[in-house]
């Protein structure tokens, strides 16, 4: 797995691009399940942060 970070001074964006070689080949039959589990955990983390942020902003 290779990862590259690109910083742009003009629009202040951080672009993270991940490239996996051969992840869907015969050597990794469960890679789709693990990719789904990884994405689900990221979505769950964002929802948890949004929930905590809403609670904190509600207390102000």
PDB file of N, CA and C in Angstrom:
ATOM      1  N   UNK A   1       0.846  -1.163   0.000  1.00  0.00           N
ATOM      2  CA  UNK A   1       0.000   0.000   0.000  1.00  0.00           C
ATOM      3  C   UNK A   1       0.895   1.231   0.000  1.00  0.00           C
ATOM      4  N   UNK A   2       0.603   2.162  -0.874  1.00  0.00           N
ATOM      5  CA  UNK A   2       1.362   3.398  -0.926  1.00  0.00           C
ATOM      6  C   UNK A   2       0.426   4.556  -0.647  1.00  0.00           C
ATOM      7  N   UNK A   3       0.929   5.571   0.043  1.00  0.00           N
ATOM      8  CA  UNK A   3       0.128   6.750   0.361  1.00  0.00           C
ATOM      9  C   UNK A   3       0.911   7.984  -0.033  1.00  0.00           C
ATOM     10  N   UNK A   4       0.204   8.983  -0.523  1.00  0.00           N
ATOM     11  CA  UNK A   4       0.865  10.230  -0.870  1.00  0.00           C
ATOM     12  C   UNK A   4       0.050  11.391  -0.329  1.00  0.00           C
ATOM     13  N   UNK A   5       0.734  12.369   0.245  1.00  0.00           N
ATOM     14  CA  UNK A   5       0.097  13.569   0.771  1.00  0.00           C
ATOM     15  C   UNK A   5       0.437  14.737  -0.131  1.00  0.00           C
ATOM     16  N   UNK A   6      -0.560  15.530  -0.474  1.00  0.00           N
ATOM     17  CA  UNK A   6      -0.342  16.691  -1.324  1.00  0.00           C
ATOM     18  C   UNK A   6      -0.893  17.923  -0.623  1.00  0.00           C
ATOM     19  N   UNK A   7      -0.036  18.905  -0.361  1.00  0.00           N
ATOM     20  CA  UNK A   7      -0.460  20.152   0.249  1.00  0.00           C
ATOM     21  C   UNK A   7      -0.527  21.221  -0.828  1.00  0.00           C
ATOM     22  N   UNK A   8      -1.638  21.934  -0.885  1.00  0.00           N
ATOM     23  CA  UNK A   8      -1.805  23.005  -1.856  1.00  0.00           C
ATOM     24  C   UNK A   8      -1.863  24.332  -1.112  1.00  0.00           C
ATOM     25  N   UNK A   9      -0.951  25.261  -1.440  1.00  0.00           N
ATOM     26  CA  UNK A   9      -0.926  26.562  -0.779  1.00  0.00           C
ATOM     27  C   UNK A   9      -2.088  27.445  -1.214  1.00  0.00           C
ATOM     28  N   UNK A  10      -2.556  27.260  -2.422  1.00  0.00           N
ATOM     29  CA  UNK A  10      -3.576  28.145  -2.971  1.00  0.00           C
ATOM     30  C   UNK A  10      -4.924  27.972  -2.285  1.00  0.00           C
ATOM     31  N   UNK A  11      -5.387  26.764  -2.137  1.00  0.00           N
ATOM     32  CA  UNK A  11      -6.713  26.548  -1.570  1.00  0.00           C
ATOM     33  C   UNK A  11      -6.677  25.789  -0.245  1.00  0.00           C
ATOM     34  N   UNK A  12      -5.516  25.598   0.329  1.00  0.00           N
ATOM     35  CA  UNK A  12      -5.348  25.011   1.656  1.00  0.00           C
ATOM     36  C   UNK A  12      -6.070  23.674   1.806  1.00  0.00           C
ATOM     37  N   UNK A  13      -5.903  22.842   0.856  1.00  0.00           N
ATOM     38  CA  UNK A  13      -6.526  21.526   0.914  1.00  0.00           C
ATOM     39  C   UNK A  13      -5.467  20.468   1.164  1.00  0.00           C
ATOM     40  N   UNK A  14      -5.850  19.477   1.902  1.00  0.00           N
ATOM     41  CA  UNK A  14      -4.989  18.315   2.121  1.00  0.00           C
ATOM     42  C   UNK A  14      -5.630  17.143   1.405  1.00  0.00           C
ATOM     43  N   UNK A  15      -4.930  16.646   0.409  1.00  0.00           N
ATOM     44  CA  UNK A  15      -5.451  15.532  -0.368  1.00  0.00           C
ATOM     45  C   UNK A  15      -4.661  14.289  -0.015  1.00  0.00           C
ATOM     46  N   UNK A  16      -5.361  13.300   0.421  1.00  0.00           N
ATOM     47  CA  UNK A  16      -4.728  12.028   0.754  1.00  0.00           C
ATOM     48  C   UNK A  16      -5.204  11.002  -0.258  1.00  0.00           C
ATOM     49  N   UNK A  17      -4.286  10.464  -0.998  1.00  0.00           N
ATOM     50  CA  UNK A  17      -4.665   9.443  -1.970  1.00  0.00           C
ATOM     51  C   UNK A  17      -3.966   8.140  -1.623  1.00  0.00           C
ATOM     52  N   UNK A  18      -4.749   7.122  -1.524  1.00  0.00           N
ATOM     53  CA  UNK A  18      -4.229   5.799  -1.207  1.00  0.00           C
ATOM     54  C   UNK A  18      -4.371   4.907  -2.421  1.00  0.00           C
ATOM     55  N   UNK A  19      -3.329   4.203  -2.733  1.00  0.00           N
ATOM     56  CA  UNK A  19      -3.368   3.281  -3.863  1.00  0.00           C
ATOM     57  C   UNK A  19      -2.969   1.900  -3.373  1.00  0.00           C
ATOM     58  N   UNK A  20      -3.792   0.944  -3.650  1.00  0.00           N
ATOM     59  CA  UNK A  20      -3.486  -0.429  -3.281  1.00  0.00           C
ATOM     60  C   UNK A  20      -3.311  -1.230  -4.555  1.00  0.00           C
ATOM     61  N   UNK A  21      -2.250  -1.982  -4.599  1.00  0.00           N
ATOM     62  CA  UNK A  21      -2.001  -2.800  -5.782  1.00  0.00           C
ATOM     63  C   UNK A  21      -2.376  -4.241  -5.497  1.00  0.00           C
ATOM     64  N   UNK A  22      -3.227  -4.764  -6.318  1.00  0.00           N
ATOM     65  CA  UNK A  22      -3.616  -6.164  -6.212  1.00  0.00           C
ATOM     66  C   UNK A  22      -4.478  -6.495  -5.016  1.00  0.00           C
ATOM     67  N   UNK A  23      -5.249  -5.560  -4.504  1.00  0.00           N
ATOM     68  CA  UNK A  23      -6.060  -5.820  -3.317  1.00  0.00           C
ATOM     69  C   UNK A  23      -7.225  -6.742  -3.624  1.00  0.00           C
ATOM     70  N   UNK A  24      -7.665  -6.777  -4.858  1.00  0.00           N
ATOM     71  CA  UNK A  24      -8.817  -7.603  -5.203  1.00  0.00           C
ATOM     72  C   UNK A  24      -8.412  -8.886  -5.910  1.00  0.00           C
ATOM     73  N   UNK A  25      -7.162  -9.223  -5.824  1.00  0.00           N
ATOM     74  CA  UNK A  25      -6.686 -10.441  -6.470  1.00  0.00           C
ATOM     75  C   UNK A  25      -7.050 -11.680  -5.678  1.00  0.00           C
ATOM     76  N   UNK A  26      -6.592 -12.814  -6.144  1.00  0.00           N
ATOM     77  CA  UNK A  26      -6.909 -14.085  -5.490  1.00  0.00           C
ATOM     78  C   UNK A  26      -6.227 -14.205  -4.130  1.00  0.00           C
ATOM     79  N   UNK A  27      -5.155 -13.449  -3.918  1.00  0.00           N
ATOM     80  CA  UNK A  27      -4.448 -13.535  -2.649  1.00  0.00           C
ATOM     81  C   UNK A  27      -5.173 -12.864  -1.497  1.00  0.00           C
ATOM     82  N   UNK A  28      -6.119 -11.986  -1.777  1.00  0.00           N
ATOM     83  CA  UNK A  28      -6.846 -11.250  -0.743  1.00  0.00           C
ATOM     84  C   UNK A  28      -8.351 -11.382  -0.970  1.00  0.00           C
ATOM     85  N   UNK A  29      -8.932 -12.541  -0.682  1.00  0.00           N
ATOM     86  CA  UNK A  29     -10.352 -12.721  -0.981  1.00  0.00           C
ATOM     87  C   UNK A  29     -11.282 -11.924  -0.076  1.00  0.00           C
ATOM     88  N   UNK A  30     -10.829 -11.508   1.117  1.00  0.00           N
ATOM     89  CA  UNK A  30     -11.707 -10.788   2.038  1.00  0.00           C
ATOM     90  C   UNK A  30     -11.408  -9.301   2.067  1.00  0.00           C
ATOM     91  N   UNK A  31     -10.699  -8.766   1.076  1.00  0.00           N
ATOM     92  CA  UNK A  31     -10.320  -7.359   1.109  1.00  0.00           C
ATOM     93  C   UNK A  31     -11.527  -6.446   0.992  1.00  0.00           C
ATOM     94  N   UNK A  32     -12.569  -6.865   0.259  1.00  0.00           N
ATOM     95  CA  UNK A  32     -13.753  -6.022   0.141  1.00  0.00           C
ATOM     96  C   UNK A  32     -14.468  -5.890   1.478  1.00  0.00           C
ATOM     97  N   UNK A  33     -14.510  -6.965   2.240  1.00  0.00           N
ATOM     98  CA  UNK A  33     -15.137  -6.920   3.559  1.00  0.00           C
ATOM     99  C   UNK A  33     -14.346  -6.013   4.484  1.00  0.00           C
ATOM    100  N   UNK A  34     -13.035  -6.110   4.455  1.00  0.00           N
ATOM    101  CA  UNK A  34     -12.213  -5.280   5.318  1.00  0.00           C
ATOM    102  C   UNK A  34     -12.289  -3.817   4.906  1.00  0.00           C
ATOM    103  N   UNK A  35     -12.373  -3.538   3.613  1.00  0.00           N
ATOM    104  CA  UNK A  35     -12.523  -2.157   3.155  1.00  0.00           C
ATOM    105  C   UNK A  35     -13.844  -1.587   3.653  1.00  0.00           C
ATOM    106  N   UNK A  36     -14.906  -2.377   3.575  1.00  0.00           N
ATOM    107  CA  UNK A  36     -16.209  -1.926   4.064  1.00  0.00           C
ATOM    108  C   UNK A  36     -16.167  -1.677   5.563  1.00  0.00           C
ATOM    109  N   UNK A  37     -15.512  -2.560   6.302  1.00  0.00           N
ATOM    110  CA  UNK A  37     -15.409  -2.392   7.752  1.00  0.00           C
ATOM    111  C   UNK A  37     -14.606  -1.143   8.093  1.00  0.00           C
ATOM    112  N   UNK A  38     -13.561  -0.871   7.333  1.00  0.00           N
ATOM    113  CA  UNK A  38     -12.765   0.333   7.559  1.00  0.00           C
ATOM    114  C   UNK A  38     -13.558   1.593   7.301  1.00  0.00           C
ATOM    115  N   UNK A  39     -14.307   1.601   6.204  1.00  0.00           N
ATOM    116  CA  UNK A  39     -15.125   2.774   5.886  1.00  0.00           C
ATOM    117  C   UNK A  39     -16.227   2.962   6.919  1.00  0.00           C
ATOM    118  N   UNK A  40     -16.813   1.875   7.367  1.00  0.00           N
ATOM    119  CA  UNK A  40     -17.867   1.957   8.373  1.00  0.00           C
ATOM    120  C   UNK A  40     -17.326   2.515   9.682  1.00  0.00           C
ATOM    121  N   UNK A  41     -16.115   2.129  10.053  1.00  0.00           N
ATOM    122  CA  UNK A  41     -15.538   2.645  11.291  1.00  0.00           C
ATOM    123  C   UNK A  41     -15.221   4.132  11.178  1.00  0.00           C
ATOM    124  N   UNK A  42     -14.804   4.588  10.005  1.00  0.00           N
ATOM    125  CA  UNK A  42     -14.541   6.016   9.805  1.00  0.00           C
ATOM    126  C   UNK A  42     -15.838   6.807   9.891  1.00  0.00           C
ATOM    127  N   UNK A  43     -16.891   6.316   9.256  1.00  0.00           N
ATOM    128  CA  UNK A  43     -18.189   6.998   9.319  1.00  0.00           C
ATOM    129  C   UNK A  43     -18.699   7.039  10.756  1.00  0.00           C
ATOM    130  N   UNK A  44     -18.529   5.947  11.487  1.00  0.00           N
ATOM    131  CA  UNK A  44     -18.955   5.906  12.885  1.00  0.00           C
ATOM    132  C   UNK A  44     -18.178   6.909  13.726  1.00  0.00           C
ATOM    133  N   UNK A  45     -16.884   7.041  13.473  1.00  0.00           N
ATOM    134  CA  UNK A  45     -16.069   8.001  14.218  1.00  0.00           C
ATOM    135  C   UNK A  45     -16.517   9.431  13.935  1.00  0.00           C
ATOM    136  N   UNK A  46     -16.803   9.749  12.671  1.00  0.00           N
ATOM    137  CA  UNK A  46     -17.284  11.093  12.334  1.00  0.00           C
ATOM    138  C   UNK A  46     -18.636  11.379  12.983  1.00  0.00           C
ATOM    139  N   UNK A  47     -19.525  10.409  12.989  1.00  0.00           N
ATOM    140  CA  UNK A  47     -20.825  10.605  13.630  1.00  0.00           C
ATOM    141  C   UNK A  47     -20.671  10.819  15.133  1.00  0.00           C
ATOM    142  N   UNK A  48     -19.756  10.088  15.750  1.00  0.00           N
ATOM    143  CA  UNK A  48     -19.525  10.256  17.185  1.00  0.00           C
ATOM    144  C   UNK A  48     -18.967  11.641  17.487  1.00  0.00           C
ATOM    145  N   UNK A  49     -18.035  12.122  16.662  1.00  0.00           N
ATOM    146  CA  UNK A  49     -17.485  13.463  16.868  1.00  0.00           C
ATOM    147  C   UNK A  49     -18.552  14.532  16.669  1.00  0.00           C
ATOM    148  N   UNK A  50     -19.424  14.347  15.681  1.00  0.00           N
ATOM    149  CA  UNK A  50     -20.503  15.306  15.451  1.00  0.00           C
ATOM    150  C   UNK A  50     -21.475  15.315  16.626  1.00  0.00           C
ATOM    151  N   UNK A  51     -21.757  14.154  17.181  1.00  0.00           N
ATOM    152  CA  UNK A  51     -22.658  14.057  18.327  1.00  0.00           C
ATOM    153  C   UNK A  51     -22.068  14.762  19.543  1.00  0.00           C
ATOM    154  N   UNK A  52     -20.793  14.526  19.818  1.00  0.00           N
ATOM    155  CA  UNK A  52     -20.128  15.183  20.946  1.00  0.00           C
ATOM    156  C   UNK A  52     -20.066  16.688  20.712  1.00  0.00           C
ATOM    157  N   UNK A  53     -19.789  17.106  19.477  1.00  0.00           N
ATOM    158  CA  UNK A  53     -19.770  18.535  19.161  1.00  0.00           C
ATOM    159  C   UNK A  53     -21.121  19.184  19.365  1.00  0.00           C
ATOM    160  N   UNK A  54     -22.186  18.487  18.999  1.00  0.00           N
ATOM    161  CA  UNK A  54     -23.532  19.027  19.199  1.00  0.00           C
ATOM    162  C   UNK A  54     -23.850  19.170  20.682  1.00  0.00           C
ATOM    163  N   UNK A  55     -23.397  18.223  21.485  1.00  0.00           N
ATOM    164  CA  UNK A  55     -23.612  18.318  22.932  1.00  0.00           C
ATOM    165  C   UNK A  55     -22.839  19.500  23.505  1.00  0.00           C
ATOM    166  N   UNK A  56     -21.584  19.653  23.097  1.00  0.00           N
ATOM    167  CA  UNK A  56     -20.758  20.750  23.610  1.00  0.00           C
ATOM    168  C   UNK A  56     -21.339  22.090  23.187  1.00  0.00           C
ATOM    169  N   UNK A  57     -21.745  22.222  21.937  1.00  0.00           N
ATOM    170  CA  UNK A  57     -22.318  23.488  21.480  1.00  0.00           C
ATOM    171  C   UNK A  57     -23.666  23.760  22.141  1.00  0.00           C
ATOM    172  N   UNK A  58     -24.377  22.726  22.490  1.00  0.00           N
ATOM    173  CA  UNK A  58     -25.648  22.912  23.177  1.00  0.00           C
ATOM    174  C   UNK A  58     -25.488  23.401  24.602  1.00  0.00           C
ATOM    175  N   UNK A  59     -24.330  23.138  25.200  1.00  0.00           N
ATOM    176  CA  UNK A  59     -24.088  23.560  26.576  1.00  0.00           C
ATOM    177  C   UNK A  59     -23.598  24.995  26.664  1.00  0.00           C
ATOM    178  N   UNK A  60     -23.162  25.572  25.552  1.00  0.00           N
ATOM    179  CA  UNK A  60     -22.590  26.931  25.588  1.00  0.00           C
ATOM    180  C   UNK A  60     -23.667  27.968  25.708  1.00  0.00           C
TER     181      UNK A  60
END
